[in-house]
Amino acid sequence: MSQSKKLAALAGAALFALAGAQPASAQALRVVATFSIIGDLARQVGGDRIALTTLVGPDSDAHTYEPRPADLKAIGTADVILANGLDMEGFLPGLIQAGGAKAPITALTDGVELRLNQGGSESPAHAHEAHDHDAHDHEAHHHAGQGAAHEADPGHAADSHDRAHAHHAHGKYDPHAWQSVPNARIYVGNIAKAFCAADRQGCPVYEAHARAYDEKLRALQTQIAENFAQIPADRRTIITPHDAFGYFAREYGFKFEAPQGMSTDSQASAAGLATLVKQVKDEKAAALFLENISNPRLVEQISSETGLKVGGKLYSDALSSADGPASTYIDMMRHNAATITDAILAR
């Protein structure tokens, strides 16, 4: 069944629920966050003043997500919709149209210095290094009533891809901007602005929460930088399943390579994988990691063919469950930094 037909069926199933939906309380701002990392940032800013629905939950993949009837209800009654933008949420335009959303969409990447999506050219290894910078301008807000043809970031249309890969296509820019703590601080500022626009009475609360959380993020950035200062410059090449750590690489001085592109739905070709295996051997990659949202098969194959030991699991596009090591954004970044450091230094 096509995505449009699935959404049409969901719309019918959710019709009665939408009709009977009521606000959670007199004051609660109804907020929809597209995936778990954004959901955590929203909770930090909104606190008890928001009723939060997160569409794509912990350890789940926004690249391949298929909406449910409950998502239509949430979208249709939302006061604020928070999205990453940059084609990260391929399911969102159709969901907005099917759910009859009236709330504006806030693209949290507004103001971020974006990286070009080098994976759009389908280069074999999808390598990204710390020196790649590309500035941009893009629209942060648009109204859902403009229809499914619009993304949360309409200025960034998807580049054409080789159809033989048949995968979810990201656009011109890498969407994984949250993997840099300074970018997460921009996300938090954008969330506070969106909440203030929708709830002026609560604005002082949102701004106070955002300031307090920003201080925690500043401290986190310092902690990560100190952690990585231990790692020699020639031990900073890392292999992950999909290309989600470009902003991390740029911010913290690493080189990441991946057999897949920027979407977990992309396919690694045999030639591309062979090229990556050769690069791992030639460049003496320092570490190889699993991801919480990716199939371990590719990493296990690379480990088998190169002898490079798997150094643990990184959290890329989703948080862990509440009892896991990365249940909040801050915990995720701390975990990833510690896991990388420990694997490279063999601690």
C-alpha atoms as a PDB file:
ATOM      1  CA  MET A   1       0.000   0.000   0.000  1.00  0.00           C
ATOM      2  CA  SER A   2       1.359   3.439  -0.915  1.00  0.00           C
ATOM      3  CA  GLN A   3       2.205   5.977   1.760  1.00  0.00           C
ATOM      4  CA  SER A   4      -0.644   8.259   0.637  1.00  0.00           C
ATOM      5  CA  LYS A   5      -3.182   5.419   0.863  1.00  0.00           C
ATOM      6  CA  LYS A   6      -1.893   4.438   4.295  1.00  0.00           C
ATOM      7  CA  LEU A   7      -2.297   8.010   5.511  1.00  0.00           C
ATOM      8  CA  ALA A   8      -5.793   8.217   4.042  1.00  0.00           C
ATOM      9  CA  ALA A   9      -6.749   5.067   5.917  1.00  0.00           C
ATOM     10  CA  LEU A  10      -5.256   6.453   9.103  1.00  0.00           C
ATOM     11  CA  ALA A  11      -7.198   9.676   8.646  1.00  0.00           C
ATOM     12  CA  GLY A  12     -10.455   7.739   8.555  1.00  0.00           C
ATOM     13  CA  ALA A  13      -9.528   5.728  11.628  1.00  0.00           C
ATOM     14  CA  ALA A  14      -8.666   8.882  13.567  1.00  0.00           C
ATOM     15  CA  LEU A  15     -11.761  10.903  12.588  1.00  0.00           C
ATOM     16  CA  PHE A  16     -13.804  10.250  15.705  1.00  0.00           C
ATOM     17  CA  ALA A  17     -10.811  10.679  17.994  1.00  0.00           C
ATOM     18  CA  LEU A  18     -10.098  14.074  16.473  1.00  0.00           C
ATOM     19  CA  ALA A  19     -13.677  15.175  16.946  1.00  0.00           C
ATOM     20  CA  GLY A  20     -13.607  14.345  20.636  1.00  0.00           C
ATOM     21  CA  ALA A  21     -10.127  15.632  21.461  1.00  0.00           C
ATOM     22  CA  GLN A  22      -9.846  18.098  24.340  1.00  0.00           C
ATOM     23  CA  PRO A  23      -6.864  19.999  25.744  1.00  0.00           C
ATOM     24  CA  ALA A  24      -5.014  18.175  28.511  1.00  0.00           C
ATOM     25  CA  SER A  25      -5.631  21.133  30.826  1.00  0.00           C
ATOM     26  CA  ALA A  26      -6.663  24.765  30.681  1.00  0.00           C
ATOM     27  CA  GLN A  27      -3.058  25.894  30.371  1.00  0.00           C
ATOM     28  CA  ALA A  28      -1.202  23.017  28.720  1.00  0.00           C
ATOM     29  CA  LEU A  29       0.300  23.907  25.375  1.00  0.00           C
ATOM     30  CA  ARG A  30      -0.211  20.955  23.057  1.00  0.00           C
ATOM     31  CA  VAL A  31       3.171  20.232  21.498  1.00  0.00           C
ATOM     32  CA  VAL A  32       4.126  17.608  18.929  1.00  0.00           C
ATOM     33  CA  ALA A  33       7.811  16.737  18.553  1.00  0.00           C
ATOM     34  CA  THR A  34       8.749  14.595  15.602  1.00  0.00           C
ATOM     35  CA  PHE A  35      11.314  12.344  17.309  1.00  0.00           C
ATOM     36  CA  SER A  36      12.775  11.591  20.729  1.00  0.00           C
ATOM     37  CA  ILE A  37      15.753  13.956  20.722  1.00  0.00           C
ATOM     38  CA  ILE A  38      13.522  16.909  19.877  1.00  0.00           C
ATOM     39  CA  GLY A  39      10.992  15.667  22.426  1.00  0.00           C
ATOM     40  CA  ASP A  40      13.564  15.823  25.207  1.00  0.00           C
ATOM     41  CA  LEU A  41      14.634  19.356  24.275  1.00  0.00           C
ATOM     42  CA  ALA A  42      10.975  20.406  24.200  1.00  0.00           C
ATOM     43  CA  ARG A  43      10.384  18.970  27.674  1.00  0.00           C
ATOM     44  CA  GLN A  44      13.412  20.823  29.044  1.00  0.00           C
ATOM     45  CA  VAL A  45      11.996  24.145  27.805  1.00  0.00           C
ATOM     46  CA  GLY A  46       8.287  23.500  28.306  1.00  0.00           C
ATOM     47  CA  GLY A  47       8.265  21.704  31.627  1.00  0.00           C
ATOM     48  CA  ASP A  48       4.809  21.286  33.118  1.00  0.00           C
ATOM     49  CA  ARG A  49       3.266  23.937  30.875  1.00  0.00           C
ATOM     50  CA  ILE A  50       3.191  21.645  27.841  1.00  0.00           C
ATOM     51  CA  ALA A  51       1.377  18.438  26.938  1.00  0.00           C
ATOM     52  CA  LEU A  52       4.010  16.712  24.822  1.00  0.00           C
ATOM     53  CA  THR A  53       3.518  14.065  22.163  1.00  0.00           C
ATOM     54  CA  THR A  54       6.620  12.587  20.547  1.00  0.00           C
ATOM     55  CA  LEU A  55       5.864  10.774  17.308  1.00  0.00           C
ATOM     56  CA  VAL A  56       9.007   8.651  16.851  1.00  0.00           C
ATOM     57  CA  GLY A  57      10.012   7.265  20.209  1.00  0.00           C
ATOM     58  CA  PRO A  58      13.251   5.998  21.781  1.00  0.00           C
ATOM     59  CA  ASP A  59      15.410   3.602  19.752  1.00  0.00           C
ATOM     60  CA  SER A  60      13.155   4.218  16.737  1.00  0.00           C
ATOM     61  CA  ASP A  61      14.135   5.481  13.312  1.00  0.00           C
ATOM     62  CA  ALA A  62      12.597   8.659  11.872  1.00  0.00           C
ATOM     63  CA  HIS A  63      14.005   7.739   8.444  1.00  0.00           C
ATOM     64  CA  THR A  64      11.705   4.732   8.104  1.00  0.00           C
ATOM     65  CA  TYR A  65       8.829   5.692  10.411  1.00  0.00           C
ATOM     66  CA  GLU A  66       5.225   5.076   9.353  1.00  0.00           C
ATOM     67  CA  PRO A  67       2.571   7.197  11.112  1.00  0.00           C
ATOM     68  CA  ARG A  68      -0.181   5.692  13.301  1.00  0.00           C
ATOM     69  CA  PRO A  69      -3.785   6.840  13.893  1.00  0.00           C
ATOM     70  CA  ALA A  70      -2.751   8.412  17.206  1.00  0.00           C
ATOM     71  CA  ASP A  71      -0.294  10.628  15.327  1.00  0.00           C
ATOM     72  CA  LEU A  72      -3.120  12.102  13.251  1.00  0.00           C
ATOM     73  CA  LYS A  73      -4.983  13.038  16.413  1.00  0.00           C
ATOM     74  CA  ALA A  74      -1.886  14.633  17.913  1.00  0.00           C
ATOM     75  CA  ILE A  75      -1.048  16.577  14.743  1.00  0.00           C
ATOM     76  CA  GLY A  76      -4.639  17.705  14.246  1.00  0.00           C
ATOM     77  CA  THR A  77      -4.946  19.182  17.751  1.00  0.00           C
ATOM     78  CA  ALA A  78      -1.407  20.530  18.223  1.00  0.00           C
ATOM     79  CA  ASP A  79      -0.693  24.141  19.142  1.00  0.00           C
ATOM     80  CA  VAL A  80       2.980  23.795  18.172  1.00  0.00           C
ATOM     81  CA  ILE A  81       4.745  21.288  15.914  1.00  0.00           C
ATOM     82  CA  LEU A  82       8.507  20.949  16.371  1.00  0.00           C
ATOM     83  CA  ALA A  83      10.487  19.359  13.546  1.00  0.00           C
ATOM     84  CA  ASN A  84      14.137  19.089  12.677  1.00  0.00           C
ATOM     85  CA  GLY A  85      13.534  19.960   9.038  1.00  0.00           C
ATOM     86  CA  LEU A  86      15.994  19.438   6.179  1.00  0.00           C
ATOM     87  CA  ASP A  87      14.000  16.423   4.954  1.00  0.00           C
ATOM     88  CA  MET A  88      14.749  14.473   8.128  1.00  0.00           C
ATOM     89  CA  GLU A  89      11.073  13.655   8.648  1.00  0.00           C
ATOM     90  CA  GLY A  90       9.978  12.331   5.287  1.00  0.00           C
ATOM     91  CA  PHE A  91       6.668  11.209   6.749  1.00  0.00           C
ATOM     92  CA  LEU A  92       5.701  14.654   8.021  1.00  0.00           C
ATOM     93  CA  PRO A  93       4.186  16.491   5.015  1.00  0.00           C
ATOM     94  CA  GLY A  94       1.697  13.706   4.317  1.00  0.00           C
ATOM     95  CA  LEU A  95       0.847  13.383   7.991  1.00  0.00           C
ATOM     96  CA  ILE A  96       0.195  17.106   8.277  1.00  0.00           C
ATOM     97  CA  GLN A  97      -2.141  17.054   5.316  1.00  0.00           C
ATOM     98  CA  ALA A  98      -3.983  13.917   6.430  1.00  0.00           C
ATOM     99  CA  GLY A  99      -4.283  15.137  10.022  1.00  0.00           C
ATOM    100  CA  GLY A 100      -5.546  18.588   9.102  1.00  0.00           C
ATOM    101  CA  ALA A 101      -2.895  20.333  11.170  1.00  0.00           C
ATOM    102  CA  LYS A 102      -3.496  24.005  11.916  1.00  0.00           C
ATOM    103  CA  ALA A 103      -0.385  24.684  14.013  1.00  0.00           C
ATOM    104  CA  PRO A 104       2.743  26.246  12.493  1.00  0.00           C
ATOM    105  CA  ILE A 105       5.764  24.014  12.091  1.00  0.00           C
ATOM    106  CA  THR A 106       8.993  25.183  13.684  1.00  0.00           C
ATOM    107  CA  ALA A 107      12.112  23.912  11.910  1.00  0.00           C
ATOM    108  CA  LEU A 108      14.652  23.751  14.711  1.00  0.00           C
ATOM    109  CA  THR A 109      17.626  23.905  12.355  1.00  0.00           C
ATOM    110  CA  ASP A 110      16.862  27.556  11.627  1.00  0.00           C
ATOM    111  CA  GLY A 111      20.076  29.484  12.356  1.00  0.00           C
ATOM    112  CA  VAL A 112      22.391  26.467  12.189  1.00  0.00           C
ATOM    113  CA  GLU A 113      25.452  26.615   9.932  1.00  0.00           C
ATOM    114  CA  LEU A 114      24.575  23.669   7.740  1.00  0.00           C
ATOM    115  CA  ARG A 115      26.773  21.026   6.157  1.00  0.00           C
ATOM    116  CA  LEU A 116      26.283  19.965   2.570  1.00  0.00           C
ATOM    117  CA  ASN A 117      24.844  16.502   2.083  1.00  0.00           C
ATOM    118  CA  GLN A 118      27.870  14.919   0.449  1.00  0.00           C
ATOM    119  CA  GLY A 119      26.044  11.609   0.544  1.00  0.00           C
ATOM    120  CA  GLY A 120      23.720  12.971  -2.132  1.00  0.00           C
ATOM    121  CA  SER A 121      26.375  12.114  -4.672  1.00  0.00           C
ATOM    122  CA  GLU A 122      26.391   8.518  -3.410  1.00  0.00           C
ATOM    123  CA  SER A 123      30.146   8.488  -2.890  1.00  0.00           C
ATOM    124  CA  PRO A 124      31.255   4.986  -1.799  1.00  0.00           C
ATOM    125  CA  ALA A 125      32.436   5.719   1.711  1.00  0.00           C
ATOM    126  CA  HIS A 126      30.354   8.813   2.545  1.00  0.00           C
ATOM    127  CA  ALA A 127      33.356  10.325   4.340  1.00  0.00           C
ATOM    128  CA  HIS A 128      32.960  13.607   6.221  1.00  0.00           C
ATOM    129  CA  GLU A 129      35.745  15.535   7.822  1.00  0.00           C
ATOM    130  CA  ALA A 130      35.927  18.331  10.331  1.00  0.00           C
ATOM    131  CA  HIS A 131      36.753  21.077   7.826  1.00  0.00           C
ATOM    132  CA  ASP A 132      33.487  20.971   5.814  1.00  0.00           C
ATOM    133  CA  HIS A 133      31.443  24.157   6.344  1.00  0.00           C
ATOM    134  CA  ASP A 134      28.536  25.584   4.406  1.00  0.00           C
ATOM    135  CA  ALA A 135      26.407  28.520   5.484  1.00  0.00           C
ATOM    136  CA  HIS A 136      22.753  28.828   4.550  1.00  0.00           C
ATOM    137  CA  ASP A 137      19.521  30.654   4.944  1.00  0.00           C
ATOM    138  CA  HIS A 138      16.250  28.807   5.332  1.00  0.00           C
ATOM    139  CA  GLU A 139      12.712  29.413   6.454  1.00  0.00           C
ATOM    140  CA  ALA A 140      11.972  28.317  10.012  1.00  0.00           C
ATOM    141  CA  HIS A 141       8.203  28.455   9.957  1.00  0.00           C
ATOM    142  CA  HIS A 142       5.397  27.701   7.593  1.00  0.00           C
ATOM    143  CA  HIS A 143       1.739  26.957   8.025  1.00  0.00           C
ATOM    144  CA  ALA A 144       0.584  23.372   7.689  1.00  0.00           C
ATOM    145  CA  GLY A 145      -2.358  24.501   5.564  1.00  0.00           C
ATOM    146  CA  GLN A 146       0.051  25.129   2.705  1.00  0.00           C
ATOM    147  CA  GLY A 147      -0.146  21.406   1.934  1.00  0.00           C
ATOM    148  CA  ALA A 148       1.941  18.287   1.671  1.00  0.00           C
ATOM    149  CA  ALA A 149       4.186  19.646  -1.050  1.00  0.00           C
ATOM    150  CA  HIS A 150       5.948  21.752   1.604  1.00  0.00           C
ATOM    151  CA  GLU A 151       8.493  20.481   4.103  1.00  0.00           C
ATOM    152  CA  ALA A 152       9.237  22.006   7.470  1.00  0.00           C
ATOM    153  CA  ASP A 153      12.105  23.687   5.654  1.00  0.00           C
ATOM    154  CA  PRO A 154      10.671  24.432   2.199  1.00  0.00           C
ATOM    155  CA  GLY A 155      13.801  26.217   1.004  1.00  0.00           C
ATOM    156  CA  HIS A 156      15.723  22.949   0.862  1.00  0.00           C
ATOM    157  CA  ALA A 157      14.313  20.661  -1.813  1.00  0.00           C
ATOM    158  CA  ALA A 158      15.735  17.161  -2.056  1.00  0.00           C
ATOM    159  CA  ASP A 159      18.547  16.605  -4.516  1.00  0.00           C
ATOM    160  CA  SER A 160      18.013  13.921  -7.155  1.00  0.00           C
ATOM    161  CA  HIS A 161      19.453  10.538  -6.184  1.00  0.00           C
ATOM    162  CA  ASP A 162      20.296   7.407  -8.085  1.00  0.00           C
ATOM    163  CA  ARG A 163      16.958   5.613  -8.133  1.00  0.00           C
ATOM    164  CA  ALA A 164      18.688   2.260  -8.016  1.00  0.00           C
ATOM    165  CA  HIS A 165      19.292   2.906  -4.338  1.00  0.00           C
ATOM    166  CA  ALA A 166      15.551   3.431  -3.746  1.00  0.00           C
ATOM    167  CA  HIS A 167      15.981   5.024  -0.324  1.00  0.00           C
ATOM    168  CA  HIS A 168      14.607   7.895   1.691  1.00  0.00           C
ATOM    169  CA  ALA A 169      16.338  10.944   0.217  1.00  0.00           C
ATOM    170  CA  HIS A 170      17.645  13.792   2.302  1.00  0.00           C
ATOM    171  CA  GLY A 171      17.968  17.177   0.682  1.00  0.00           C
ATOM    172  CA  LYS A 172      20.911  19.392  -0.069  1.00  0.00           C
ATOM    173  CA  TYR A 173      21.987  19.633   3.567  1.00  0.00           C
ATOM    174  CA  ASP A 174      22.877  17.142   6.277  1.00  0.00           C
ATOM    175  CA  PRO A 175      19.949  17.140   8.752  1.00  0.00           C
ATOM    176  CA  HIS A 176      21.767  15.648  11.777  1.00  0.00           C
ATOM    177  CA  ALA A 177      22.651  19.027  13.267  1.00  0.00           C
ATOM    178  CA  TRP A 178      21.838  18.069  16.880  1.00  0.00           C
ATOM    179  CA  GLN A 179      25.073  16.044  17.004  1.00  0.00           C
ATOM    180  CA  SER A 180      26.883  19.286  17.860  1.00  0.00           C
ATOM    181  CA  VAL A 181      26.105  20.765  21.286  1.00  0.00           C
ATOM    182  CA  PRO A 182      26.299  24.384  20.019  1.00  0.00           C
ATOM    183  CA  ASN A 183      23.641  23.468  17.466  1.00  0.00           C
ATOM    184  CA  ALA A 184      21.459  21.969  20.192  1.00  0.00           C
ATOM    185  CA  ARG A 185      21.636  25.341  21.927  1.00  0.00           C
ATOM    186  CA  ILE A 186      20.206  26.886  18.748  1.00  0.00           C
ATOM    187  CA  TYR A 187      17.429  24.274  18.776  1.00  0.00           C
ATOM    188  CA  VAL A 188      16.571  25.222  22.359  1.00  0.00           C
ATOM    189  CA  GLY A 189      16.370  28.920  21.479  1.00  0.00           C
ATOM    190  CA  ASN A 190      14.043  28.137  18.581  1.00  0.00           C
ATOM    191  CA  ILE A 191      11.832  26.007  20.823  1.00  0.00           C
ATOM    192  CA  ALA A 192      11.537  28.810  23.363  1.00  0.00           C
ATOM    193  CA  LYS A 193      10.559  31.270  20.618  1.00  0.00           C
ATOM    194  CA  ALA A 194       7.909  28.882  19.294  1.00  0.00           C
ATOM    195  CA  PHE A 195       6.423  28.335  22.736  1.00  0.00           C
ATOM    196  CA  CYS A 196       6.402  32.057  23.475  1.00  0.00           C
ATOM    197  CA  ALA A 197       4.624  32.780  20.182  1.00  0.00           C
ATOM    198  CA  ALA A 198       1.912  30.248  21.042  1.00  0.00           C
ATOM    199  CA  ASP A 199       1.634  31.045  24.769  1.00  0.00           C
ATOM    200  CA  ARG A 200       2.594  34.616  25.656  1.00  0.00           C
ATOM    201  CA  GLN A 201       1.499  34.203  29.253  1.00  0.00           C
ATOM    202  CA  GLY A 202       3.953  31.351  29.724  1.00  0.00           C
ATOM    203  CA  CYS A 203       6.823  33.037  27.908  1.00  0.00           C
ATOM    204  CA  PRO A 204       8.799  34.053  31.037  1.00  0.00           C
ATOM    205  CA  VAL A 205       8.698  30.437  32.187  1.00  0.00           C
ATOM    206  CA  TYR A 206       9.882  29.090  28.841  1.00  0.00           C
ATOM    207  CA  GLU A 207      12.671  31.625  28.632  1.00  0.00           C
ATOM    208  CA  ALA A 208      13.817  30.852  32.180  1.00  0.00           C
ATOM    209  CA  HIS A 209      13.851  27.118  31.435  1.00  0.00           C
ATOM    210  CA  ALA A 210      15.758  27.712  28.205  1.00  0.00           C
ATOM    211  CA  ARG A 211      18.394  29.805  29.992  1.00  0.00           C
ATOM    212  CA  ALA A 212      18.855  27.203  32.723  1.00  0.00           C
ATOM    213  CA  TYR A 213      19.159  24.387  30.203  1.00  0.00           C
ATOM    214  CA  ASP A 214      21.527  26.417  28.045  1.00  0.00           C
ATOM    215  CA  GLU A 215      23.904  26.620  31.001  1.00  0.00           C
ATOM    216  CA  LYS A 216      23.844  22.829  31.227  1.00  0.00           C
ATOM    217  CA  LEU A 217      24.614  22.588  27.514  1.00  0.00           C
ATOM    218  CA  ARG A 218      27.517  25.009  27.848  1.00  0.00           C
ATOM    219  CA  ALA A 219      28.941  22.852  30.639  1.00  0.00           C
ATOM    220  CA  LEU A 220      28.398  19.742  28.512  1.00  0.00           C
ATOM    221  CA  GLN A 221      30.326  21.294  25.608  1.00  0.00           C
ATOM    222  CA  THR A 222      33.271  22.003  27.904  1.00  0.00           C
ATOM    223  CA  GLN A 223      33.175  18.470  29.306  1.00  0.00           C
ATOM    224  CA  ILE A 224      33.162  16.883  25.841  1.00  0.00           C
ATOM    225  CA  ALA A 225      36.031  19.072  24.621  1.00  0.00           C
ATOM    226  CA  GLU A 226      38.127  18.128  27.669  1.00  0.00           C
ATOM    227  CA  ASN A 227      37.282  14.462  27.125  1.00  0.00           C
ATOM    228  CA  PHE A 228      38.421  14.498  23.504  1.00  0.00           C
ATOM    229  CA  ALA A 229      41.603  16.430  24.253  1.00  0.00           C
ATOM    230  CA  GLN A 230      43.097  13.074  25.307  1.00  0.00           C
ATOM    231  CA  ILE A 231      42.770  11.596  21.798  1.00  0.00           C
ATOM    232  CA  PRO A 232      45.742  12.025  19.425  1.00  0.00           C
ATOM    233  CA  ALA A 233      45.159  13.641  16.044  1.00  0.00           C
ATOM    234  CA  ASP A 234      46.105  10.442  14.194  1.00  0.00           C
ATOM    235  CA  ARG A 235      43.511   8.395  16.102  1.00  0.00           C
ATOM    236  CA  ARG A 236      40.391  10.225  15.024  1.00  0.00           C
ATOM    237  CA  THR A 237      38.966   8.200  12.135  1.00  0.00           C
ATOM    238  CA  ILE A 238      35.732   6.443  13.114  1.00  0.00           C
ATOM    239  CA  ILE A 239      33.393   4.045  11.293  1.00  0.00           C
ATOM    240  CA  THR A 240      29.623   4.029  11.920  1.00  0.00           C
ATOM    241  CA  PRO A 241      26.759   2.331  10.025  1.00  0.00           C
ATOM    242  CA  HIS A 242      25.069   5.431   8.624  1.00  0.00           C
ATOM    243  CA  ASP A 243      26.239   8.955   7.999  1.00  0.00           C
ATOM    244  CA  ALA A 244      24.819  10.737  11.053  1.00  0.00           C
ATOM    245  CA  PHE A 245      27.895  12.273  12.675  1.00  0.00           C
ATOM    246  CA  GLY A 246      29.067  14.949  10.243  1.00  0.00           C
ATOM    247  CA  TYR A 247      28.294  17.815  12.625  1.00  0.00           C
ATOM    248  CA  PHE A 248      29.928  15.889  15.454  1.00  0.00           C
ATOM    249  CA  ALA A 249      33.034  15.461  13.282  1.00  0.00           C
ATOM    250  CA  ARG A 250      33.156  19.150  12.395  1.00  0.00           C
ATOM    251  CA  GLU A 251      32.654  20.302  15.976  1.00  0.00           C
ATOM    252  CA  TYR A 252      35.004  17.917  17.748  1.00  0.00           C
ATOM    253  CA  GLY A 253      37.704  17.246  15.163  1.00  0.00           C
ATOM    254  CA  PHE A 254      36.991  13.716  13.939  1.00  0.00           C
ATOM    255  CA  LYS A 255      36.567  11.983  10.607  1.00  0.00           C
ATOM    256  CA  PHE A 256      33.570   9.668  10.249  1.00  0.00           C
ATOM    257  CA  GLU A 257      33.023   7.175   7.457  1.00  0.00           C
ATOM    258  CA  ALA A 258      29.934   5.063   6.861  1.00  0.00           C
ATOM    259  CA  PRO A 259      28.827   2.371   4.411  1.00  0.00           C
ATOM    260  CA  GLN A 260      25.344   3.894   4.234  1.00  0.00           C
ATOM    261  CA  GLY A 261      24.327   7.431   3.353  1.00  0.00           C
ATOM    262  CA  MET A 262      22.542   9.902   5.621  1.00  0.00           C
ATOM    263  CA  SER A 263      19.441   7.736   5.796  1.00  0.00           C
ATOM    264  CA  THR A 264      19.367   4.288   7.378  1.00  0.00           C
ATOM    265  CA  ASP A 265      17.052   3.352   4.517  1.00  0.00           C
ATOM    266  CA  SER A 266      19.879   3.721   1.988  1.00  0.00           C
ATOM    267  CA  GLN A 267      21.719   0.656   0.716  1.00  0.00           C
ATOM    268  CA  ALA A 268      25.466   0.152   0.865  1.00  0.00           C
ATOM    269  CA  SER A 269      26.734  -1.220  -2.456  1.00  0.00           C
ATOM    270  CA  ALA A 270      29.223  -4.078  -2.568  1.00  0.00           C
ATOM    271  CA  ALA A 271      31.744  -1.818  -4.312  1.00  0.00           C
ATOM    272  CA  GLY A 272      31.245   0.930  -1.769  1.00  0.00           C
ATOM    273  CA  LEU A 273      31.669  -1.490   1.118  1.00  0.00           C
ATOM    274  CA  ALA A 274      34.840  -2.908  -0.409  1.00  0.00           C
ATOM    275  CA  THR A 275      36.223   0.614  -0.810  1.00  0.00           C
ATOM    276  CA  LEU A 276      35.437   1.395   2.812  1.00  0.00           C
ATOM    277  CA  VAL A 277      37.113  -1.801   4.025  1.00  0.00           C
ATOM    278  CA  LYS A 278      40.239  -0.830   2.073  1.00  0.00           C
ATOM    279  CA  GLN A 279      40.158   2.673   3.555  1.00  0.00           C
ATOM    280  CA  VAL A 280      39.814   1.269   7.068  1.00  0.00           C
ATOM    281  CA  LYS A 281      42.949  -0.803   6.504  1.00  0.00           C
ATOM    282  CA  ASP A 282      44.925   1.913   4.696  1.00  0.00           C
ATOM    283  CA  GLU A 283      44.014   4.755   7.048  1.00  0.00           C
ATOM    284  CA  LYS A 284      44.124   2.599  10.181  1.00  0.00           C
ATOM    285  CA  ALA A 285      40.717   3.660  11.474  1.00  0.00           C
ATOM    286  CA  ALA A 286      40.724   4.032  15.246  1.00  0.00           C
ATOM    287  CA  ALA A 287      37.275   2.692  16.108  1.00  0.00           C
ATOM    288  CA  LEU A 288      34.156   0.990  14.764  1.00  0.00           C
ATOM    289  CA  PHE A 289      30.716   1.422  16.326  1.00  0.00           C
ATOM    290  CA  LEU A 290      27.189   0.111  16.193  1.00  0.00           C
ATOM    291  CA  GLU A 291      24.226   2.513  16.293  1.00  0.00           C
ATOM    292  CA  ASN A 292      21.026   2.085  18.261  1.00  0.00           C
ATOM    293  CA  ILE A 293      18.833   2.493  15.168  1.00  0.00           C
ATOM    294  CA  SER A 294      20.897   0.546  12.624  1.00  0.00           C
ATOM    295  CA  ASN A 295      21.167  -3.102  11.683  1.00  0.00           C
ATOM    296  CA  PRO A 296      24.488  -4.417  13.070  1.00  0.00           C
ATOM    297  CA  ARG A 297      25.152  -6.574   9.999  1.00  0.00           C
ATOM    298  CA  LEU A 298      27.285  -4.042   8.123  1.00  0.00           C
ATOM    299  CA  VAL A 299      29.415  -3.207  11.145  1.00  0.00           C
ATOM    300  CA  GLU A 300      29.923  -6.873  11.936  1.00  0.00           C
ATOM    301  CA  GLN A 301      31.000  -7.503   8.327  1.00  0.00           C
ATOM    302  CA  ILE A 302      33.477  -4.616   8.410  1.00  0.00           C
ATOM    303  CA  SER A 303      34.845  -5.854  11.729  1.00  0.00           C
ATOM    304  CA  SER A 304      35.259  -9.373  10.330  1.00  0.00           C
ATOM    305  CA  GLU A 305      37.063  -8.195   7.182  1.00  0.00           C
ATOM    306  CA  THR A 306      39.347  -5.640   8.832  1.00  0.00           C
ATOM    307  CA  GLY A 307      39.961  -7.043  12.296  1.00  0.00           C
ATOM    308  CA  LEU A 308      38.807  -3.754  13.814  1.00  0.00           C
ATOM    309  CA  LYS A 309      36.985  -4.477  17.057  1.00  0.00           C
ATOM    310  CA  VAL A 310      33.501  -3.063  17.612  1.00  0.00           C
ATOM    311  CA  GLY A 311      33.910  -0.363  20.259  1.00  0.00           C
ATOM    312  CA  GLY A 312      30.326  -0.181  21.481  1.00  0.00           C
ATOM    313  CA  LYS A 313      27.054   1.468  20.531  1.00  0.00           C
ATOM    314  CA  LEU A 314      26.510   5.125  19.672  1.00  0.00           C
ATOM    315  CA  TYR A 315      23.155   6.909  19.765  1.00  0.00           C
ATOM    316  CA  SER A 316      22.601   8.827  16.556  1.00  0.00           C
ATOM    317  CA  ASP A 317      18.995   9.672  15.582  1.00  0.00           C
ATOM    318  CA  ALA A 318      17.137   8.553  18.707  1.00  0.00           C
ATOM    319  CA  LEU A 319      17.513   8.445  22.468  1.00  0.00           C
ATOM    320  CA  SER A 320      17.541   5.227  24.455  1.00  0.00           C
ATOM    321  CA  SER A 321      14.630   4.022  26.552  1.00  0.00           C
ATOM    322  CA  ALA A 322      14.292   5.492  30.043  1.00  0.00           C
ATOM    323  CA  ASP A 323      16.407   2.729  31.585  1.00  0.00           C
ATOM    324  CA  GLY A 324      19.156   3.041  28.954  1.00  0.00           C
ATOM    325  CA  PRO A 325      22.362   5.092  28.942  1.00  0.00           C
ATOM    326  CA  ALA A 326      21.076   7.853  26.637  1.00  0.00           C
ATOM    327  CA  SER A 327      17.544   8.677  27.741  1.00  0.00           C
ATOM    328  CA  THR A 328      18.103  12.445  27.474  1.00  0.00           C
ATOM    329  CA  TYR A 329      20.022  14.584  24.994  1.00  0.00           C
ATOM    330  CA  ILE A 330      22.719  15.395  27.558  1.00  0.00           C
ATOM    331  CA  ASP A 331      23.064  11.739  28.522  1.00  0.00           C
ATOM    332  CA  MET A 332      23.269  10.789  24.824  1.00  0.00           C
ATOM    333  CA  MET A 333      26.109  13.198  24.110  1.00  0.00           C
ATOM    334  CA  ARG A 334      27.986  12.183  27.271  1.00  0.00           C
ATOM    335  CA  HIS A 335      27.569   8.507  26.422  1.00  0.00           C
ATOM    336  CA  ASN A 336      28.757   8.952  22.839  1.00  0.00           C
ATOM    337  CA  ALA A 337      31.785  10.988  23.898  1.00  0.00           C
ATOM    338  CA  ALA A 338      32.767   8.508  26.608  1.00  0.00           C
ATOM    339  CA  THR A 339      32.205   5.494  24.344  1.00  0.00           C
ATOM    340  CA  ILE A 340      34.353   6.974  21.576  1.00  0.00           C
ATOM    341  CA  THR A 341      37.131   7.970  23.979  1.00  0.00           C
ATOM    342  CA  ASP A 342      37.195   4.625  25.765  1.00  0.00           C
ATOM    343  CA  ALA A 343      37.245   2.648  22.503  1.00  0.00           C
ATOM    344  CA  ILE A 344      40.037   4.684  20.906  1.00  0.00           C
ATOM    345  CA  LEU A 345      42.183   4.718  24.054  1.00  0.00           C
ATOM    346  CA  ALA A 346      41.290   1.035  24.732  1.00  0.00           C
ATOM    347  CA  ARG A 347      40.215   1.665  28.289  1.00  0.00           C
END
